[in-house]
């Protein structure tokens, strides 16, 4: 199967769900990204800012670029001009830097709060209590150039599909509770849940994901 066929297969499998496909393009060469673009895949997810910038410079400008990897504050300025969404916001300090850099370009950048849902210490993310405290803080309420549009979570790297499903279900439950508490304001408009990767995106879609991050199922394994 080629890239276009892989994308077609994945999109077919997502029919009837709320999930949109993000092609995870980290480490992939420009020609493969162009193939995905030609197959009508227009949302690309990158882990590293520098790599995303270099690809943005040469690829069509109607691509939506999503930063899905762990983000350091000193890298925000390089992508603030064009990034469509940042999935990995895990601190107030990072959000303040995104707000500051977005203001320089007269933009509002959509962000997701990364919530820690896995049974692994290697994963990043806020606890549910930390996320609520962030959204209730005066520092957050003062921000004008970011918008929290949802949550992101990474399930445990395990073959136990029941555990993965429960972790995704827990994130959706938390999302629903936030949505009922934090009504839409200038900087909160909860609509997106980013969960699910190549090995578990179908489970994630069944559990309410709106954004699935798929790399190897499109491009093959490295």
C-alpha atoms as a PDB file:
ATOM      1  CA  UNK A   1       0.000   0.000   0.000  1.00  0.00           C
ATOM      2  CA  UNK A   2       1.123   3.546  -0.668  1.00  0.00           C
ATOM      3  CA  UNK A   3       0.647   6.686   1.390  1.00  0.00           C
ATOM      4  CA  UNK A   4      -2.537   7.748  -0.405  1.00  0.00           C
ATOM      5  CA  UNK A   5      -4.076   4.299   0.096  1.00  0.00           C
ATOM      6  CA  UNK A   6      -3.075   4.290   3.773  1.00  0.00           C
ATOM      7  CA  UNK A   7      -4.714   7.685   4.312  1.00  0.00           C
ATOM      8  CA  UNK A   8      -7.856   6.547   2.487  1.00  0.00           C
ATOM      9  CA  UNK A   9      -8.051   3.408   4.643  1.00  0.00           C
ATOM     10  CA  UNK A  10      -7.646   5.384   7.881  1.00  0.00           C
ATOM     11  CA  UNK A  11     -10.240   7.996   6.872  1.00  0.00           C
ATOM     12  CA  UNK A  12     -12.691   5.220   5.985  1.00  0.00           C
ATOM     13  CA  UNK A  13     -12.144   3.630   9.399  1.00  0.00           C
ATOM     14  CA  UNK A  14     -12.891   6.964  11.096  1.00  0.00           C
ATOM     15  CA  UNK A  15     -16.200   7.489   9.302  1.00  0.00           C
ATOM     16  CA  UNK A  16     -19.045   7.868  11.750  1.00  0.00           C
ATOM     17  CA  UNK A  17     -16.744   9.249  14.474  1.00  0.00           C
ATOM     18  CA  UNK A  18     -15.799  12.828  15.382  1.00  0.00           C
ATOM     19  CA  UNK A  19     -12.098  12.242  14.745  1.00  0.00           C
ATOM     20  CA  UNK A  20     -10.000  14.200  12.268  1.00  0.00           C
ATOM     21  CA  UNK A  21      -6.680  12.812  11.034  1.00  0.00           C
ATOM     22  CA  UNK A  22      -3.350  14.431  11.882  1.00  0.00           C
ATOM     23  CA  UNK A  23      -0.492  12.955   9.846  1.00  0.00           C
ATOM     24  CA  UNK A  24       2.513  12.711  12.171  1.00  0.00           C
ATOM     25  CA  UNK A  25       5.355  13.765   9.899  1.00  0.00           C
ATOM     26  CA  UNK A  26       8.334  13.851  12.281  1.00  0.00           C
ATOM     27  CA  UNK A  27      11.591  12.665  10.636  1.00  0.00           C
ATOM     28  CA  UNK A  28       9.789  12.167   7.300  1.00  0.00           C
ATOM     29  CA  UNK A  29      11.279  13.771   4.168  1.00  0.00           C
ATOM     30  CA  UNK A  30       9.497  16.521   2.248  1.00  0.00           C
ATOM     31  CA  UNK A  31       8.576  14.241  -0.665  1.00  0.00           C
ATOM     32  CA  UNK A  32       6.550  11.950   1.622  1.00  0.00           C
ATOM     33  CA  UNK A  33       4.755  14.925   3.150  1.00  0.00           C
ATOM     34  CA  UNK A  34       3.951  16.136  -0.351  1.00  0.00           C
ATOM     35  CA  UNK A  35       2.462  12.705  -1.126  1.00  0.00           C
ATOM     36  CA  UNK A  36       0.246  12.961   1.952  1.00  0.00           C
ATOM     37  CA  UNK A  37      -0.762  16.495   0.963  1.00  0.00           C
ATOM     38  CA  UNK A  38      -1.619  15.337  -2.550  1.00  0.00           C
ATOM     39  CA  UNK A  39      -3.829  12.659  -0.952  1.00  0.00           C
ATOM     40  CA  UNK A  40      -5.815  15.535   0.641  1.00  0.00           C
ATOM     41  CA  UNK A  41      -4.253  15.265   4.104  1.00  0.00           C
ATOM     42  CA  UNK A  42      -3.755  18.873   5.207  1.00  0.00           C
ATOM     43  CA  UNK A  43      -3.062  18.613   8.959  1.00  0.00           C
ATOM     44  CA  UNK A  44       0.519  17.691   9.868  1.00  0.00           C
ATOM     45  CA  UNK A  45       1.869  17.029  13.355  1.00  0.00           C
ATOM     46  CA  UNK A  46       5.512  17.595  14.280  1.00  0.00           C
ATOM     47  CA  UNK A  47       7.420  16.894  17.499  1.00  0.00           C
ATOM     48  CA  UNK A  48      10.278  19.350  17.052  1.00  0.00           C
ATOM     49  CA  UNK A  49       9.903  23.047  16.312  1.00  0.00           C
ATOM     50  CA  UNK A  50      13.037  23.349  14.169  1.00  0.00           C
ATOM     51  CA  UNK A  51      11.952  20.507  11.893  1.00  0.00           C
ATOM     52  CA  UNK A  52       8.450  21.941  11.596  1.00  0.00           C
ATOM     53  CA  UNK A  53       9.786  25.379  10.630  1.00  0.00           C
ATOM     54  CA  UNK A  54      12.030  23.987   7.897  1.00  0.00           C
ATOM     55  CA  UNK A  55       9.109  22.023   6.397  1.00  0.00           C
ATOM     56  CA  UNK A  56       6.671  24.932   6.690  1.00  0.00           C
ATOM     57  CA  UNK A  57       9.048  27.093   4.676  1.00  0.00           C
ATOM     58  CA  UNK A  58       8.908  24.839   1.580  1.00  0.00           C
ATOM     59  CA  UNK A  59       5.480  23.173   1.657  1.00  0.00           C
ATOM     60  CA  UNK A  60       2.069  24.603   0.621  1.00  0.00           C
ATOM     61  CA  UNK A  61       0.790  27.303   2.949  1.00  0.00           C
ATOM     62  CA  UNK A  62      -2.705  25.837   3.409  1.00  0.00           C
ATOM     63  CA  UNK A  63      -1.272  23.048   5.591  1.00  0.00           C
ATOM     64  CA  UNK A  64      -2.246  23.258   9.269  1.00  0.00           C
ATOM     65  CA  UNK A  65       0.823  22.644  11.424  1.00  0.00           C
ATOM     66  CA  UNK A  66       0.256  21.125  14.869  1.00  0.00           C
ATOM     67  CA  UNK A  67       3.074  20.917  17.433  1.00  0.00           C
ATOM     68  CA  UNK A  68       2.469  17.635  19.249  1.00  0.00           C
ATOM     69  CA  UNK A  69       5.789  17.058  21.033  1.00  0.00           C
ATOM     70  CA  UNK A  70       7.093  18.386  24.327  1.00  0.00           C
ATOM     71  CA  UNK A  71       7.706  22.110  23.935  1.00  0.00           C
ATOM     72  CA  UNK A  72      10.371  24.269  25.559  1.00  0.00           C
ATOM     73  CA  UNK A  73       9.567  27.937  26.132  1.00  0.00           C
ATOM     74  CA  UNK A  74      12.641  29.156  24.225  1.00  0.00           C
ATOM     75  CA  UNK A  75      11.398  27.470  21.001  1.00  0.00           C
ATOM     76  CA  UNK A  76       7.941  29.064  20.873  1.00  0.00           C
ATOM     77  CA  UNK A  77       9.099  32.224  19.062  1.00  0.00           C
ATOM     78  CA  UNK A  78      10.243  30.276  15.993  1.00  0.00           C
ATOM     79  CA  UNK A  79       6.762  28.962  15.137  1.00  0.00           C
ATOM     80  CA  UNK A  80       4.440  31.609  16.603  1.00  0.00           C
ATOM     81  CA  UNK A  81       3.960  33.150  13.150  1.00  0.00           C
ATOM     82  CA  UNK A  82       2.263  30.095  11.640  1.00  0.00           C
ATOM     83  CA  UNK A  83       1.508  27.199  14.023  1.00  0.00           C
ATOM     84  CA  UNK A  84      -2.194  26.245  13.968  1.00  0.00           C
ATOM     85  CA  UNK A  85      -2.391  24.380  17.261  1.00  0.00           C
ATOM     86  CA  UNK A  86      -0.090  23.416  20.127  1.00  0.00           C
ATOM     87  CA  UNK A  87      -1.124  20.122  21.749  1.00  0.00           C
ATOM     88  CA  UNK A  88       1.457  19.900  24.511  1.00  0.00           C
ATOM     89  CA  UNK A  89       0.847  22.792  26.918  1.00  0.00           C
ATOM     90  CA  UNK A  90       1.841  21.474  30.337  1.00  0.00           C
ATOM     91  CA  UNK A  91       2.511  24.603  32.394  1.00  0.00           C
ATOM     92  CA  UNK A  92       1.299  28.164  32.958  1.00  0.00           C
ATOM     93  CA  UNK A  93       4.815  29.410  32.183  1.00  0.00           C
ATOM     94  CA  UNK A  94       4.714  27.832  28.716  1.00  0.00           C
ATOM     95  CA  UNK A  95       1.255  29.238  28.048  1.00  0.00           C
ATOM     96  CA  UNK A  96       2.440  32.715  29.032  1.00  0.00           C
ATOM     97  CA  UNK A  97       5.280  32.470  26.516  1.00  0.00           C
ATOM     98  CA  UNK A  98       2.912  31.315  23.754  1.00  0.00           C
ATOM     99  CA  UNK A  99       0.627  34.259  24.560  1.00  0.00           C
ATOM    100  CA  UNK A 100       3.571  36.680  24.457  1.00  0.00           C
ATOM    101  CA  UNK A 101       4.913  35.403  21.131  1.00  0.00           C
ATOM    102  CA  UNK A 102       1.461  35.200  19.520  1.00  0.00           C
ATOM    103  CA  UNK A 103       0.867  38.852  20.426  1.00  0.00           C
ATOM    104  CA  UNK A 104       3.963  39.848  18.423  1.00  0.00           C
ATOM    105  CA  UNK A 105       2.262  38.452  15.311  1.00  0.00           C
ATOM    106  CA  UNK A 106      -1.219  39.749  16.226  1.00  0.00           C
ATOM    107  CA  UNK A 107      -2.449  36.142  16.391  1.00  0.00           C
ATOM    108  CA  UNK A 108      -4.499  33.981  18.731  1.00  0.00           C
ATOM    109  CA  UNK A 109      -2.952  30.494  18.944  1.00  0.00           C
ATOM    110  CA  UNK A 110      -5.168  27.531  19.749  1.00  0.00           C
ATOM    111  CA  UNK A 111      -3.742  25.306  22.487  1.00  0.00           C
ATOM    112  CA  UNK A 112      -4.542  22.023  24.204  1.00  0.00           C
ATOM    113  CA  UNK A 113      -3.704  21.283  27.812  1.00  0.00           C
ATOM    114  CA  UNK A 114      -1.717  18.052  27.973  1.00  0.00           C
ATOM    115  CA  UNK A 115      -3.163  15.869  30.726  1.00  0.00           C
ATOM    116  CA  UNK A 116      -1.176  13.064  32.312  1.00  0.00           C
ATOM    117  CA  UNK A 117      -3.257   9.898  31.849  1.00  0.00           C
ATOM    118  CA  UNK A 118      -0.639   7.138  31.466  1.00  0.00           C
ATOM    119  CA  UNK A 119       0.850   4.731  33.974  1.00  0.00           C
ATOM    120  CA  UNK A 120       4.349   5.828  32.888  1.00  0.00           C
ATOM    121  CA  UNK A 121       6.711   8.339  34.459  1.00  0.00           C
ATOM    122  CA  UNK A 122       8.243   9.223  31.081  1.00  0.00           C
ATOM    123  CA  UNK A 123       5.101  10.997  29.876  1.00  0.00           C
ATOM    124  CA  UNK A 124       4.525  14.728  30.384  1.00  0.00           C
ATOM    125  CA  UNK A 125       1.312  16.437  31.414  1.00  0.00           C
ATOM    126  CA  UNK A 126      -0.747  18.239  34.011  1.00  0.00           C
ATOM    127  CA  UNK A 127      -2.837  16.490  36.609  1.00  0.00           C
ATOM    128  CA  UNK A 128      -6.555  17.225  36.475  1.00  0.00           C
ATOM    129  CA  UNK A 129      -6.201  19.420  39.571  1.00  0.00           C
ATOM    130  CA  UNK A 130      -3.329  21.390  37.995  1.00  0.00           C
ATOM    131  CA  UNK A 131      -5.324  21.948  34.805  1.00  0.00           C
ATOM    132  CA  UNK A 132      -8.294  23.307  36.742  1.00  0.00           C
ATOM    133  CA  UNK A 133      -6.027  25.567  38.810  1.00  0.00           C
ATOM    134  CA  UNK A 134      -4.444  26.911  35.616  1.00  0.00           C
ATOM    135  CA  UNK A 135      -7.822  27.715  34.034  1.00  0.00           C
ATOM    136  CA  UNK A 136      -9.010  29.417  37.238  1.00  0.00           C
ATOM    137  CA  UNK A 137      -5.862  31.517  37.666  1.00  0.00           C
ATOM    138  CA  UNK A 138      -5.909  35.279  37.156  1.00  0.00           C
ATOM    139  CA  UNK A 139      -2.730  34.984  35.064  1.00  0.00           C
ATOM    140  CA  UNK A 140      -4.546  32.757  32.588  1.00  0.00           C
ATOM    141  CA  UNK A 141      -7.658  34.920  32.467  1.00  0.00           C
ATOM    142  CA  UNK A 142      -5.503  37.919  31.518  1.00  0.00           C
ATOM    143  CA  UNK A 143      -4.162  36.245  28.355  1.00  0.00           C
ATOM    144  CA  UNK A 144      -5.499  37.614  25.063  1.00  0.00           C
ATOM    145  CA  UNK A 145      -3.490  35.764  22.412  1.00  0.00           C
ATOM    146  CA  UNK A 146      -4.098  32.121  23.249  1.00  0.00           C
ATOM    147  CA  UNK A 147      -7.246  30.023  23.330  1.00  0.00           C
ATOM    148  CA  UNK A 148      -7.591  26.708  25.164  1.00  0.00           C
ATOM    149  CA  UNK A 149      -9.654  24.586  22.786  1.00  0.00           C
ATOM    150  CA  UNK A 150      -9.327  21.202  24.486  1.00  0.00           C
ATOM    151  CA  UNK A 151      -7.145  18.497  25.981  1.00  0.00           C
ATOM    152  CA  UNK A 152      -4.439  16.109  24.839  1.00  0.00           C
ATOM    153  CA  UNK A 153      -3.430  12.815  26.389  1.00  0.00           C
ATOM    154  CA  UNK A 154      -1.059   9.942  25.648  1.00  0.00           C
ATOM    155  CA  UNK A 155      -2.076   6.477  26.776  1.00  0.00           C
ATOM    156  CA  UNK A 156       0.283   4.008  28.423  1.00  0.00           C
ATOM    157  CA  UNK A 157       2.496   2.117  25.981  1.00  0.00           C
ATOM    158  CA  UNK A 158       0.952  -1.295  26.631  1.00  0.00           C
ATOM    159  CA  UNK A 159      -0.740  -4.176  24.810  1.00  0.00           C
ATOM    160  CA  UNK A 160      -3.574  -4.040  27.357  1.00  0.00           C
ATOM    161  CA  UNK A 161      -6.316  -2.512  25.208  1.00  0.00           C
ATOM    162  CA  UNK A 162      -8.700  -2.365  28.158  1.00  0.00           C
ATOM    163  CA  UNK A 163      -6.275  -0.130  30.072  1.00  0.00           C
ATOM    164  CA  UNK A 164      -5.819   2.108  27.030  1.00  0.00           C
ATOM    165  CA  UNK A 165      -9.578   2.409  26.594  1.00  0.00           C
ATOM    166  CA  UNK A 166     -10.059   3.311  30.255  1.00  0.00           C
ATOM    167  CA  UNK A 167      -7.344   5.992  30.053  1.00  0.00           C
ATOM    168  CA  UNK A 168      -8.995   7.543  26.985  1.00  0.00           C
ATOM    169  CA  UNK A 169     -12.414   7.311  28.615  1.00  0.00           C
ATOM    170  CA  UNK A 170     -11.064   9.074  31.702  1.00  0.00           C
ATOM    171  CA  UNK A 171      -9.740  11.941  29.572  1.00  0.00           C
ATOM    172  CA  UNK A 172     -13.110  12.297  27.806  1.00  0.00           C
ATOM    173  CA  UNK A 173     -14.902  12.335  31.180  1.00  0.00           C
ATOM    174  CA  UNK A 174     -12.569  15.071  32.423  1.00  0.00           C
ATOM    175  CA  UNK A 175     -13.090  17.026  29.185  1.00  0.00           C
ATOM    176  CA  UNK A 176     -16.867  16.838  29.637  1.00  0.00           C
ATOM    177  CA  UNK A 177     -16.611  18.051  33.234  1.00  0.00           C
ATOM    178  CA  UNK A 178     -14.404  20.986  32.208  1.00  0.00           C
ATOM    179  CA  UNK A 179     -16.795  21.882  29.422  1.00  0.00           C
ATOM    180  CA  UNK A 180     -19.692  22.079  31.862  1.00  0.00           C
ATOM    181  CA  UNK A 181     -17.635  24.208  34.283  1.00  0.00           C
ATOM    182  CA  UNK A 182     -15.753  26.555  31.938  1.00  0.00           C
ATOM    183  CA  UNK A 183     -18.200  28.054  29.478  1.00  0.00           C
ATOM    184  CA  UNK A 184     -16.878  29.661  26.321  1.00  0.00           C
ATOM    185  CA  UNK A 185     -14.982  32.890  26.922  1.00  0.00           C
ATOM    186  CA  UNK A 186     -12.380  34.788  24.908  1.00  0.00           C
ATOM    187  CA  UNK A 187      -9.668  32.306  25.776  1.00  0.00           C
ATOM    188  CA  UNK A 188     -11.584  29.066  26.453  1.00  0.00           C
ATOM    189  CA  UNK A 189     -13.613  27.250  23.779  1.00  0.00           C
ATOM    190  CA  UNK A 190     -13.477  23.533  24.513  1.00  0.00           C
ATOM    191  CA  UNK A 191     -14.102  21.406  21.431  1.00  0.00           C
ATOM    192  CA  UNK A 192     -11.080  19.177  20.807  1.00  0.00           C
ATOM    193  CA  UNK A 193      -9.688  16.008  22.411  1.00  0.00           C
ATOM    194  CA  UNK A 194      -6.353  14.879  20.975  1.00  0.00           C
ATOM    195  CA  UNK A 195      -5.840  11.205  21.781  1.00  0.00           C
ATOM    196  CA  UNK A 196      -4.934   8.110  19.824  1.00  0.00           C
ATOM    197  CA  UNK A 197      -1.900   7.155  17.718  1.00  0.00           C
ATOM    198  CA  UNK A 198      -1.209   4.505  15.071  1.00  0.00           C
ATOM    199  CA  UNK A 199      -1.685   1.583  17.450  1.00  0.00           C
ATOM    200  CA  UNK A 200      -4.788   2.786  19.267  1.00  0.00           C
ATOM    201  CA  UNK A 201      -6.498   5.490  17.201  1.00  0.00           C
ATOM    202  CA  UNK A 202      -9.620   3.421  16.580  1.00  0.00           C
ATOM    203  CA  UNK A 203     -10.146   2.942  20.333  1.00  0.00           C
ATOM    204  CA  UNK A 204      -9.531   6.673  20.833  1.00  0.00           C
ATOM    205  CA  UNK A 205     -12.089   7.558  18.151  1.00  0.00           C
ATOM    206  CA  UNK A 206     -14.641   5.265  19.784  1.00  0.00           C
ATOM    207  CA  UNK A 207     -13.999   7.017  23.113  1.00  0.00           C
ATOM    208  CA  UNK A 208     -14.543  10.511  21.731  1.00  0.00           C
ATOM    209  CA  UNK A 209     -11.251  11.699  20.255  1.00  0.00           C
ATOM    210  CA  UNK A 210     -11.577  14.543  17.758  1.00  0.00           C
ATOM    211  CA  UNK A 211      -7.899  14.504  16.686  1.00  0.00           C
ATOM    212  CA  UNK A 212      -5.941  11.280  16.116  1.00  0.00           C
ATOM    213  CA  UNK A 213      -2.169  11.526  15.632  1.00  0.00           C
ATOM    214  CA  UNK A 214      -1.130   8.860  13.113  1.00  0.00           C
ATOM    215  CA  UNK A 215       2.381   8.403  11.727  1.00  0.00           C
ATOM    216  CA  UNK A 216       3.558   4.829  11.070  1.00  0.00           C
ATOM    217  CA  UNK A 217       0.139   3.681   9.812  1.00  0.00           C
ATOM    218  CA  UNK A 218       0.510   6.297   7.058  1.00  0.00           C
ATOM    219  CA  UNK A 219       4.235   6.400   6.331  1.00  0.00           C
ATOM    220  CA  UNK A 220       5.397   2.991   7.581  1.00  0.00           C
ATOM    221  CA  UNK A 221       7.836   2.352  10.385  1.00  0.00           C
ATOM    222  CA  UNK A 222      11.178   4.153  10.446  1.00  0.00           C
END
